[in-house]
């Protein structure tokens, strides 16, 4: 599999999710970034940056942290949709969302 999202939970547990190329091809990068922003707003999450600038990385990290551990095994449809959009928005073939270290 050429595309994969890995998520490391705060407790160190790691999950790897292959993403089909066709799923990524069906979404434009701008649409994926917009989807991330919309989901961030729907979840009622707040900007962690005191300077007021919202970074895509922060949105992805906070949205990922908003999922429950049970959503990861097996991945719920909502989690899968999030991972596809995060991968497309970041324009990478693979993505590691490390909640323990709070970094991509």
PDB file of N, CA and C in Angstrom:
ATOM      1  N   UNK A   1       0.846  -1.179   0.000  1.00  0.00           N
ATOM      2  CA  UNK A   1       0.000   0.000   0.000  1.00  0.00           C
ATOM      3  C   UNK A   1       0.887   1.236   0.000  1.00  0.00           C
ATOM      4  N   UNK A   2       0.627   2.135  -0.932  1.00  0.00           N
ATOM      5  CA  UNK A   2       1.430   3.340  -1.062  1.00  0.00           C
ATOM      6  C   UNK A   2       1.030   4.441  -0.090  1.00  0.00           C
ATOM      7  N   UNK A   3      -0.189   4.380   0.434  1.00  0.00           N
ATOM      8  CA  UNK A   3      -0.693   5.450   1.294  1.00  0.00           C
ATOM      9  C   UNK A   3      -1.101   4.861   2.642  1.00  0.00           C
ATOM     10  N   UNK A   4      -0.706   5.564   3.705  1.00  0.00           N
ATOM     11  CA  UNK A   4      -1.011   5.061   5.041  1.00  0.00           C
ATOM     12  C   UNK A   4      -1.040   6.210   6.030  1.00  0.00           C
ATOM     13  N   UNK A   5      -1.950   6.099   6.977  1.00  0.00           N
ATOM     14  CA  UNK A   5      -1.988   7.012   8.115  1.00  0.00           C
ATOM     15  C   UNK A   5      -1.736   6.174   9.352  1.00  0.00           C
ATOM     16  N   UNK A   6      -0.794   6.617  10.157  1.00  0.00           N
ATOM     17  CA  UNK A   6      -0.519   5.988  11.443  1.00  0.00           C
ATOM     18  C   UNK A   6      -0.917   6.971  12.533  1.00  0.00           C
ATOM     19  N   UNK A   7      -1.511   6.440  13.577  1.00  0.00           N
ATOM     20  CA  UNK A   7      -1.912   7.272  14.704  1.00  0.00           C
ATOM     21  C   UNK A   7      -1.296   6.673  15.958  1.00  0.00           C
ATOM     22  N   UNK A   8      -0.602   7.512  16.706  1.00  0.00           N
ATOM     23  CA  UNK A   8      -0.042   7.113  17.998  1.00  0.00           C
ATOM     24  C   UNK A   8      -0.860   7.833  19.061  1.00  0.00           C
ATOM     25  N   UNK A   9      -1.577   7.058  19.864  1.00  0.00           N
ATOM     26  CA  UNK A   9      -2.407   7.643  20.914  1.00  0.00           C
ATOM     27  C   UNK A   9      -1.535   8.149  22.063  1.00  0.00           C
ATOM     28  N   UNK A  10      -2.115   8.914  22.946  1.00  0.00           N
ATOM     29  CA  UNK A  10      -1.365   9.479  24.071  1.00  0.00           C
ATOM     30  C   UNK A  10      -0.758   8.407  24.963  1.00  0.00           C
ATOM     31  N   UNK A  11      -1.380   7.219  24.990  1.00  0.00           N
ATOM     32  CA  UNK A  11      -0.845   6.123  25.806  1.00  0.00           C
ATOM     33  C   UNK A  11       0.251   5.336  25.077  1.00  0.00           C
ATOM     34  N   UNK A  12       0.595   5.753  23.855  1.00  0.00           N
ATOM     35  CA  UNK A  12       1.646   5.102  23.083  1.00  0.00           C
ATOM     36  C   UNK A  12       1.156   4.026  22.130  1.00  0.00           C
ATOM     37  N   UNK A  13      -0.107   3.650  22.235  1.00  0.00           N
ATOM     38  CA  UNK A  13      -0.656   2.636  21.330  1.00  0.00           C
ATOM     39  C   UNK A  13      -0.668   3.185  19.909  1.00  0.00           C
ATOM     40  N   UNK A  14      -0.246   2.340  18.945  1.00  0.00           N
ATOM     41  CA  UNK A  14      -0.120   2.772  17.554  1.00  0.00           C
ATOM     42  C   UNK A  14      -1.055   1.976  16.655  1.00  0.00           C
ATOM     43  N   UNK A  15      -1.703   2.676  15.735  1.00  0.00           N
ATOM     44  CA  UNK A  15      -2.578   2.062  14.750  1.00  0.00           C
ATOM     45  C   UNK A  15      -2.138   2.512  13.372  1.00  0.00           C
ATOM     46  N   UNK A  16      -2.106   1.587  12.419  1.00  0.00           N
ATOM     47  CA  UNK A  16      -1.742   1.887  11.036  1.00  0.00           C
ATOM     48  C   UNK A  16      -2.942   1.586  10.141  1.00  0.00           C
ATOM     49  N   UNK A  17      -3.262   2.533   9.280  1.00  0.00           N
ATOM     50  CA  UNK A  17      -4.425   2.405   8.413  1.00  0.00           C
ATOM     51  C   UNK A  17      -4.022   2.639   6.961  1.00  0.00           C
ATOM     52  N   UNK A  18      -4.099   1.613   6.115  1.00  0.00           N
ATOM     53  CA  UNK A  18      -3.839   1.818   4.690  1.00  0.00           C
ATOM     54  C   UNK A  18      -4.989   2.616   4.075  1.00  0.00           C
ATOM     55  N   UNK A  19      -4.645   3.478   3.150  1.00  0.00           N
ATOM     56  CA  UNK A  19      -5.635   4.308   2.453  1.00  0.00           C
ATOM     57  C   UNK A  19      -5.490   4.029   0.963  1.00  0.00           C
ATOM     58  N   UNK A  20      -6.578   3.678   0.324  1.00  0.00           N
ATOM     59  CA  UNK A  20      -6.559   3.366  -1.108  1.00  0.00           C
ATOM     60  C   UNK A  20      -6.322   4.630  -1.925  1.00  0.00           C
ATOM     61  N   UNK A  21      -5.533   4.493  -2.978  1.00  0.00           N
ATOM     62  CA  UNK A  21      -5.228   5.630  -3.852  1.00  0.00           C
ATOM     63  C   UNK A  21      -6.499   6.214  -4.454  1.00  0.00           C
ATOM     64  N   UNK A  22      -7.475   5.377  -4.758  1.00  0.00           N
ATOM     65  CA  UNK A  22      -8.731   5.848  -5.325  1.00  0.00           C
ATOM     66  C   UNK A  22      -9.491   6.781  -4.396  1.00  0.00           C
ATOM     67  N   UNK A  23      -9.401   6.520  -3.093  1.00  0.00           N
ATOM     68  CA  UNK A  23     -10.063   7.400  -2.125  1.00  0.00           C
ATOM     69  C   UNK A  23      -9.442   8.788  -2.141  1.00  0.00           C
ATOM     70  N   UNK A  24      -8.123   8.823  -2.248  1.00  0.00           N
ATOM     71  CA  UNK A  24      -7.425  10.111  -2.283  1.00  0.00           C
ATOM     72  C   UNK A  24      -7.687  10.848  -3.588  1.00  0.00           C
ATOM     73  N   UNK A  25      -7.753  10.106  -4.678  1.00  0.00           N
ATOM     74  CA  UNK A  25      -7.970  10.724  -5.986  1.00  0.00           C
ATOM     75  C   UNK A  25      -9.348  11.367  -6.089  1.00  0.00           C
ATOM     76  N   UNK A  26     -10.282  10.894  -5.295  1.00  0.00           N
ATOM     77  CA  UNK A  26     -11.651  11.400  -5.351  1.00  0.00           C
ATOM     78  C   UNK A  26     -11.820  12.737  -4.628  1.00  0.00           C
ATOM     79  N   UNK A  27     -10.783  13.209  -3.952  1.00  0.00           N
ATOM     80  CA  UNK A  27     -10.870  14.437  -3.154  1.00  0.00           C
ATOM     81  C   UNK A  27      -9.804  15.421  -3.612  1.00  0.00           C
ATOM     82  N   UNK A  28     -10.186  16.667  -3.767  1.00  0.00           N
ATOM     83  CA  UNK A  28      -9.224  17.738  -4.059  1.00  0.00           C
ATOM     84  C   UNK A  28      -8.576  18.190  -2.751  1.00  0.00           C
ATOM     85  N   UNK A  29      -7.338  18.623  -2.807  1.00  0.00           N
ATOM     86  CA  UNK A  29      -6.631  19.080  -1.606  1.00  0.00           C
ATOM     87  C   UNK A  29      -7.360  20.223  -0.904  1.00  0.00           C
ATOM     88  N   UNK A  30      -7.844  21.184  -1.675  1.00  0.00           N
ATOM     89  CA  UNK A  30      -8.560  22.322  -1.083  1.00  0.00           C
ATOM     90  C   UNK A  30      -9.838  21.859  -0.389  1.00  0.00           C
ATOM     91  N   UNK A  31     -10.531  20.914  -0.985  1.00  0.00           N
ATOM     92  CA  UNK A  31     -11.747  20.374  -0.377  1.00  0.00           C
ATOM     93  C   UNK A  31     -11.420  19.643   0.922  1.00  0.00           C
ATOM     94  N   UNK A  32     -10.299  18.927   0.955  1.00  0.00           N
ATOM     95  CA  UNK A  32      -9.887  18.220   2.170  1.00  0.00           C
ATOM     96  C   UNK A  32      -9.556  19.213   3.279  1.00  0.00           C
ATOM     97  N   UNK A  33      -8.858  20.286   2.954  1.00  0.00           N
ATOM     98  CA  UNK A  33      -8.544  21.307   3.956  1.00  0.00           C
ATOM     99  C   UNK A  33      -9.828  21.965   4.471  1.00  0.00           C
ATOM    100  N   UNK A  34     -10.758  22.223   3.566  1.00  0.00           N
ATOM    101  CA  UNK A  34     -12.041  22.811   3.953  1.00  0.00           C
ATOM    102  C   UNK A  34     -12.804  21.854   4.883  1.00  0.00           C
ATOM    103  N   UNK A  35     -12.815  20.568   4.537  1.00  0.00           N
ATOM    104  CA  UNK A  35     -13.498  19.565   5.360  1.00  0.00           C
ATOM    105  C   UNK A  35     -12.904  19.541   6.769  1.00  0.00           C
ATOM    106  N   UNK A  36     -11.575  19.578   6.867  1.00  0.00           N
ATOM    107  CA  UNK A  36     -10.903  19.589   8.177  1.00  0.00           C
ATOM    108  C   UNK A  36     -11.360  20.813   8.973  1.00  0.00           C
ATOM    109  N   UNK A  37     -11.382  21.962   8.339  1.00  0.00           N
ATOM    110  CA  UNK A  37     -11.817  23.186   9.016  1.00  0.00           C
ATOM    111  C   UNK A  37     -13.253  23.126   9.487  1.00  0.00           C
ATOM    112  N   UNK A  38     -14.126  22.585   8.638  1.00  0.00           N
ATOM    113  CA  UNK A  38     -15.531  22.449   9.001  1.00  0.00           C
ATOM    114  C   UNK A  38     -15.716  21.492  10.179  1.00  0.00           C
ATOM    115  N   UNK A  39     -15.026  20.371  10.147  1.00  0.00           N
ATOM    116  CA  UNK A  39     -15.140  19.393  11.238  1.00  0.00           C
ATOM    117  C   UNK A  39     -14.572  19.959  12.536  1.00  0.00           C
ATOM    118  N   UNK A  40     -13.515  20.743  12.431  1.00  0.00           N
ATOM    119  CA  UNK A  40     -12.919  21.394  13.598  1.00  0.00           C
ATOM    120  C   UNK A  40     -13.956  22.318  14.246  1.00  0.00           C
ATOM    121  N   UNK A  41     -14.633  23.113  13.418  1.00  0.00           N
ATOM    122  CA  UNK A  41     -15.656  24.035  13.930  1.00  0.00           C
ATOM    123  C   UNK A  41     -16.838  23.273  14.516  1.00  0.00           C
ATOM    124  N   UNK A  42     -17.303  22.214  13.831  1.00  0.00           N
ATOM    125  CA  UNK A  42     -18.430  21.413  14.327  1.00  0.00           C
ATOM    126  C   UNK A  42     -18.128  20.782  15.681  1.00  0.00           C
ATOM    127  N   UNK A  43     -16.875  20.379  15.870  1.00  0.00           N
ATOM    128  CA  UNK A  43     -16.486  19.729  17.121  1.00  0.00           C
ATOM    129  C   UNK A  43     -16.365  20.729  18.269  1.00  0.00           C
ATOM    130  N   UNK A  44     -16.421  22.031  17.945  1.00  0.00           N
ATOM    131  CA  UNK A  44     -16.331  23.053  18.988  1.00  0.00           C
ATOM    132  C   UNK A  44     -14.939  23.185  19.577  1.00  0.00           C
ATOM    133  N   UNK A  45     -13.929  22.789  18.805  1.00  0.00           N
ATOM    134  CA  UNK A  45     -12.559  22.865  19.292  1.00  0.00           C
ATOM    135  C   UNK A  45     -12.047  24.297  19.195  1.00  0.00           C
ATOM    136  N   UNK A  46     -11.086  24.619  20.034  1.00  0.00           N
ATOM    137  CA  UNK A  46     -10.567  25.982  20.081  1.00  0.00           C
ATOM    138  C   UNK A  46      -9.138  26.040  19.577  1.00  0.00           C
ATOM    139  N   UNK A  47      -8.806  27.187  19.028  1.00  0.00           N
ATOM    140  CA  UNK A  47      -7.471  27.456  18.520  1.00  0.00           C
ATOM    141  C   UNK A  47      -6.466  27.449  19.677  1.00  0.00           C
ATOM    142  N   UNK A  48      -5.454  26.580  19.624  1.00  0.00           N
ATOM    143  CA  UNK A  48      -4.483  26.529  20.712  1.00  0.00           C
ATOM    144  C   UNK A  48      -3.403  27.608  20.605  1.00  0.00           C
ATOM    145  N   UNK A  49      -3.365  28.316  19.490  1.00  0.00           N
ATOM    146  CA  UNK A  49      -2.319  29.301  19.249  1.00  0.00           C
ATOM    147  C   UNK A  49      -2.723  30.649  19.849  1.00  0.00           C
ATOM    148  N   UNK A  50      -1.977  31.158  20.825  1.00  0.00           N
ATOM    149  CA  UNK A  50      -2.334  32.431  21.452  1.00  0.00           C
ATOM    150  C   UNK A  50      -2.225  33.622  20.497  1.00  0.00           C
ATOM    151  N   UNK A  51      -1.528  33.462  19.393  1.00  0.00           N
ATOM    152  CA  UNK A  51      -1.395  34.545  18.419  1.00  0.00           C
ATOM    153  C   UNK A  51      -2.602  34.599  17.485  1.00  0.00           C
ATOM    154  N   UNK A  52      -3.495  33.635  17.584  1.00  0.00           N
ATOM    155  CA  UNK A  52      -4.718  33.636  16.801  1.00  0.00           C
ATOM    156  C   UNK A  52      -4.616  32.953  15.454  1.00  0.00           C
ATOM    157  N   UNK A  53      -3.430  32.548  15.037  1.00  0.00           N
ATOM    158  CA  UNK A  53      -3.277  31.898  13.735  1.00  0.00           C
ATOM    159  C   UNK A  53      -3.599  30.409  13.866  1.00  0.00           C
ATOM    160  N   UNK A  54      -4.528  29.935  13.033  1.00  0.00           N
ATOM    161  CA  UNK A  54      -4.921  28.527  13.065  1.00  0.00           C
ATOM    162  C   UNK A  54      -4.123  27.770  12.020  1.00  0.00           C
ATOM    163  N   UNK A  55      -3.389  26.785  12.457  1.00  0.00           N
ATOM    164  CA  UNK A  55      -2.587  25.960  11.561  1.00  0.00           C
ATOM    165  C   UNK A  55      -3.319  24.663  11.258  1.00  0.00           C
ATOM    166  N   UNK A  56      -3.189  24.200  10.030  1.00  0.00           N
ATOM    167  CA  UNK A  56      -3.786  22.926   9.621  1.00  0.00           C
ATOM    168  C   UNK A  56      -3.285  21.794  10.508  1.00  0.00           C
ATOM    169  N   UNK A  57      -2.017  21.829  10.852  1.00  0.00           N
ATOM    170  CA  UNK A  57      -1.423  20.787  11.708  1.00  0.00           C
ATOM    171  C   UNK A  57      -2.154  20.728  13.050  1.00  0.00           C
ATOM    172  N   UNK A  58      -2.414  21.893  13.647  1.00  0.00           N
ATOM    173  CA  UNK A  58      -3.126  21.923  14.928  1.00  0.00           C
ATOM    174  C   UNK A  58      -4.546  21.380  14.783  1.00  0.00           C
ATOM    175  N   UNK A  59      -5.213  21.742  13.699  1.00  0.00           N
ATOM    176  CA  UNK A  59      -6.565  21.237  13.484  1.00  0.00           C
ATOM    177  C   UNK A  59      -6.567  19.715  13.385  1.00  0.00           C
ATOM    178  N   UNK A  60      -5.630  19.159  12.637  1.00  0.00           N
ATOM    179  CA  UNK A  60      -5.551  17.704  12.479  1.00  0.00           C
ATOM    180  C   UNK A  60      -5.249  17.032  13.817  1.00  0.00           C
ATOM    181  N   UNK A  61      -4.295  17.567  14.553  1.00  0.00           N
ATOM    182  CA  UNK A  61      -3.935  16.969  15.843  1.00  0.00           C
ATOM    183  C   UNK A  61      -5.109  17.029  16.831  1.00  0.00           C
ATOM    184  N   UNK A  62      -5.771  18.164  16.909  1.00  0.00           N
ATOM    185  CA  UNK A  62      -6.879  18.295  17.848  1.00  0.00           C
ATOM    186  C   UNK A  62      -8.078  17.449  17.440  1.00  0.00           C
ATOM    187  N   UNK A  63      -8.345  17.359  16.146  1.00  0.00           N
ATOM    188  CA  UNK A  63      -9.432  16.488  15.694  1.00  0.00           C
ATOM    189  C   UNK A  63      -9.121  15.028  15.995  1.00  0.00           C
ATOM    190  N   UNK A  64      -7.890  14.612  15.751  1.00  0.00           N
ATOM    191  CA  UNK A  64      -7.504  13.223  16.033  1.00  0.00           C
ATOM    192  C   UNK A  64      -7.648  12.921  17.520  1.00  0.00           C
ATOM    193  N   UNK A  65      -7.266  13.864  18.357  1.00  0.00           N
ATOM    194  CA  UNK A  65      -7.363  13.670  19.806  1.00  0.00           C
ATOM    195  C   UNK A  65      -8.813  13.631  20.274  1.00  0.00           C
ATOM    196  N   UNK A  66      -9.715  14.157  19.461  1.00  0.00           N
ATOM    197  CA  UNK A  66     -11.130  14.191  19.801  1.00  0.00           C
ATOM    198  C   UNK A  66     -11.806  12.827  19.634  1.00  0.00           C
ATOM    199  N   UNK A  67     -11.159  11.915  18.898  1.00  0.00           N
ATOM    200  CA  UNK A  67     -11.708  10.566  18.746  1.00  0.00           C
ATOM    201  C   UNK A  67     -11.419   9.753  20.004  1.00  0.00           C
ATOM    202  N   UNK A  68     -12.296   8.818  20.287  1.00  0.00           N
ATOM    203  CA  UNK A  68     -12.102   7.917  21.425  1.00  0.00           C
ATOM    204  C   UNK A  68     -11.202   6.757  21.006  1.00  0.00           C
ATOM    205  N   UNK A  69     -10.527   6.132  21.945  1.00  0.00           N
ATOM    206  CA  UNK A  69      -9.652   4.997  21.645  1.00  0.00           C
ATOM    207  C   UNK A  69     -10.428   3.884  20.943  1.00  0.00           C
ATOM    208  N   UNK A  70     -11.681   3.697  21.285  1.00  0.00           N
ATOM    209  CA  UNK A  70     -12.499   2.644  20.673  1.00  0.00           C
ATOM    210  C   UNK A  70     -12.769   2.909  19.186  1.00  0.00           C
ATOM    211  N   UNK A  71     -12.633   4.152  18.746  1.00  0.00           N
ATOM    212  CA  UNK A  71     -12.856   4.490  17.337  1.00  0.00           C
ATOM    213  C   UNK A  71     -11.753   3.954  16.425  1.00  0.00           C
ATOM    214  N   UNK A  72     -10.630   3.552  17.003  1.00  0.00           N
ATOM    215  CA  UNK A  72      -9.463   3.152  16.220  1.00  0.00           C
ATOM    216  C   UNK A  72      -9.398   1.662  15.902  1.00  0.00           C
ATOM    217  N   UNK A  73     -10.105   0.832  16.671  1.00  0.00           N
ATOM    218  CA  UNK A  73      -9.998  -0.614  16.436  1.00  0.00           C
ATOM    219  C   UNK A  73     -11.353  -1.289  16.536  1.00  0.00           C
ATOM    220  N   UNK A  74     -12.005  -1.545  15.420  1.00  0.00           N
ATOM    221  CA  UNK A  74     -11.627  -1.132  14.067  1.00  0.00           C
ATOM    222  C   UNK A  74     -11.963   0.340  13.844  1.00  0.00           C
ATOM    223  N   UNK A  75     -11.396   0.910  12.802  1.00  0.00           N
ATOM    224  CA  UNK A  75     -11.635   2.324  12.500  1.00  0.00           C
ATOM    225  C   UNK A  75     -13.102   2.549  12.153  1.00  0.00           C
ATOM    226  N   UNK A  76     -13.708   3.533  12.806  1.00  0.00           N
ATOM    227  CA  UNK A  76     -15.089   3.888  12.485  1.00  0.00           C
ATOM    228  C   UNK A  76     -15.096   4.605  11.130  1.00  0.00           C
ATOM    229  N   UNK A  77     -16.244   4.642  10.464  1.00  0.00           N
ATOM    230  CA  UNK A  77     -16.317   5.384   9.191  1.00  0.00           C
ATOM    231  C   UNK A  77     -15.921   6.853   9.348  1.00  0.00           C
ATOM    232  N   UNK A  78     -16.285   7.472  10.471  1.00  0.00           N
ATOM    233  CA  UNK A  78     -15.932   8.869  10.707  1.00  0.00           C
ATOM    234  C   UNK A  78     -14.420   9.036  10.837  1.00  0.00           C
ATOM    235  N   UNK A  79     -13.775   8.115  11.551  1.00  0.00           N
ATOM    236  CA  UNK A  79     -12.319   8.171  11.687  1.00  0.00           C
ATOM    237  C   UNK A  79     -11.653   7.964  10.335  1.00  0.00           C
ATOM    238  N   UNK A  80     -12.139   7.012   9.563  1.00  0.00           N
ATOM    239  CA  UNK A  80     -11.558   6.743   8.245  1.00  0.00           C
ATOM    240  C   UNK A  80     -11.689   7.976   7.342  1.00  0.00           C
ATOM    241  N   UNK A  81     -12.844   8.606   7.347  1.00  0.00           N
ATOM    242  CA  UNK A  81     -13.064   9.811   6.541  1.00  0.00           C
ATOM    243  C   UNK A  81     -12.092  10.916   6.977  1.00  0.00           C
ATOM    244  N   UNK A  82     -11.906  11.057   8.290  1.00  0.00           N
ATOM    245  CA  UNK A  82     -10.947  12.032   8.811  1.00  0.00           C
ATOM    246  C   UNK A  82      -9.537  11.739   8.302  1.00  0.00           C
ATOM    247  N   UNK A  83      -9.117  10.479   8.376  1.00  0.00           N
ATOM    248  CA  UNK A  83      -7.749  10.131   7.959  1.00  0.00           C
ATOM    249  C   UNK A  83      -7.528  10.379   6.472  1.00  0.00           C
ATOM    250  N   UNK A  84      -8.506  10.059   5.645  1.00  0.00           N
ATOM    251  CA  UNK A  84      -8.392  10.304   4.201  1.00  0.00           C
ATOM    252  C   UNK A  84      -8.241  11.798   3.943  1.00  0.00           C
ATOM    253  N   UNK A  85      -9.064  12.598   4.592  1.00  0.00           N
ATOM    254  CA  UNK A  85      -8.994  14.048   4.396  1.00  0.00           C
ATOM    255  C   UNK A  85      -7.707  14.639   4.961  1.00  0.00           C
ATOM    256  N   UNK A  86      -7.249  14.144   6.095  1.00  0.00           N
ATOM    257  CA  UNK A  86      -5.994  14.640   6.669  1.00  0.00           C
ATOM    258  C   UNK A  86      -4.822  14.327   5.750  1.00  0.00           C
ATOM    259  N   UNK A  87      -4.782  13.113   5.221  1.00  0.00           N
ATOM    260  CA  UNK A  87      -3.698  12.719   4.325  1.00  0.00           C
ATOM    261  C   UNK A  87      -3.704  13.573   3.059  1.00  0.00           C
ATOM    262  N   UNK A  88      -4.877  13.781   2.486  1.00  0.00           N
ATOM    263  CA  UNK A  88      -4.991  14.590   1.272  1.00  0.00           C
ATOM    264  C   UNK A  88      -4.648  16.052   1.559  1.00  0.00           C
ATOM    265  N   UNK A  89      -5.120  16.578   2.686  1.00  0.00           N
ATOM    266  CA  UNK A  89      -4.853  17.973   3.044  1.00  0.00           C
ATOM    267  C   UNK A  89      -3.364  18.224   3.249  1.00  0.00           C
ATOM    268  N   UNK A  90      -2.662  17.252   3.791  1.00  0.00           N
ATOM    269  CA  UNK A  90      -1.220  17.409   4.032  1.00  0.00           C
ATOM    270  C   UNK A  90      -0.384  17.088   2.790  1.00  0.00           C
ATOM    271  N   UNK A  91      -1.013  16.534   1.758  1.00  0.00           N
ATOM    272  CA  UNK A  91      -0.338  16.246   0.478  1.00  0.00           C
ATOM    273  C   UNK A  91       0.912  15.386   0.658  1.00  0.00           C
ATOM    274  N   UNK A  92       0.731  14.318   1.419  1.00  0.00           N
ATOM    275  CA  UNK A  92       1.827  13.372   1.652  1.00  0.00           C
ATOM    276  C   UNK A  92       1.326  11.964   1.328  1.00  0.00           C
ATOM    277  N   UNK A  93       2.243  11.050   0.965  1.00  0.00           N
ATOM    278  CA  UNK A  93       1.805   9.667   0.745  1.00  0.00           C
ATOM    279  C   UNK A  93       1.544   8.929   2.061  1.00  0.00           C
ATOM    280  N   UNK A  94       2.223   9.351   3.112  1.00  0.00           N
ATOM    281  CA  UNK A  94       2.018   8.760   4.437  1.00  0.00           C
ATOM    282  C   UNK A  94       1.963   9.885   5.462  1.00  0.00           C
ATOM    283  N   UNK A  95       1.327   9.596   6.573  1.00  0.00           N
ATOM    284  CA  UNK A  95       1.186  10.598   7.621  1.00  0.00           C
ATOM    285  C   UNK A  95       1.154   9.885   8.956  1.00  0.00           C
ATOM    286  N   UNK A  96       1.950  10.370   9.896  1.00  0.00           N
ATOM    287  CA  UNK A  96       1.892   9.868  11.264  1.00  0.00           C
ATOM    288  C   UNK A  96       1.351  10.984  12.140  1.00  0.00           C
ATOM    289  N   UNK A  97       0.257  10.703  12.806  1.00  0.00           N
ATOM    290  CA  UNK A  97      -0.363  11.640  13.741  1.00  0.00           C
ATOM    291  C   UNK A  97       0.019  11.136  15.124  1.00  0.00           C
ATOM    292  N   UNK A  98       0.976  11.794  15.738  1.00  0.00           N
ATOM    293  CA  UNK A  98       1.508  11.359  17.015  1.00  0.00           C
ATOM    294  C   UNK A  98       0.921  12.242  18.125  1.00  0.00           C
ATOM    295  N   UNK A  99      -0.106  11.721  18.775  1.00  0.00           N
ATOM    296  CA  UNK A  99      -0.761  12.474  19.842  1.00  0.00           C
ATOM    297  C   UNK A  99       0.072  12.497  21.107  1.00  0.00           C
ATOM    298  N   UNK A 100       0.910  11.508  21.310  1.00  0.00           N
ATOM    299  CA  UNK A 100       1.775  11.461  22.484  1.00  0.00           C
ATOM    300  C   UNK A 100       2.795  12.598  22.438  1.00  0.00           C
ATOM    301  N   UNK A 101       3.356  12.852  21.261  1.00  0.00           N
ATOM    302  CA  UNK A 101       4.361  13.907  21.085  1.00  0.00           C
ATOM    303  C   UNK A 101       3.746  15.198  20.559  1.00  0.00           C
ATOM    304  N   UNK A 102       2.443  15.177  20.230  1.00  0.00           N
ATOM    305  CA  UNK A 102       1.721  16.294  19.635  1.00  0.00           C
ATOM    306  C   UNK A 102       2.460  16.844  18.410  1.00  0.00           C
ATOM    307  N   UNK A 103       2.613  15.932  17.419  1.00  0.00           N
ATOM    308  CA  UNK A 103       3.256  16.354  16.171  1.00  0.00           C
ATOM    309  C   UNK A 103       2.801  15.456  15.027  1.00  0.00           C
ATOM    310  N   UNK A 104       2.968  15.970  13.815  1.00  0.00           N
ATOM    311  CA  UNK A 104       2.720  15.179  12.601  1.00  0.00           C
ATOM    312  C   UNK A 104       4.064  14.780  12.044  1.00  0.00           C
TER     313      UNK A 104
END
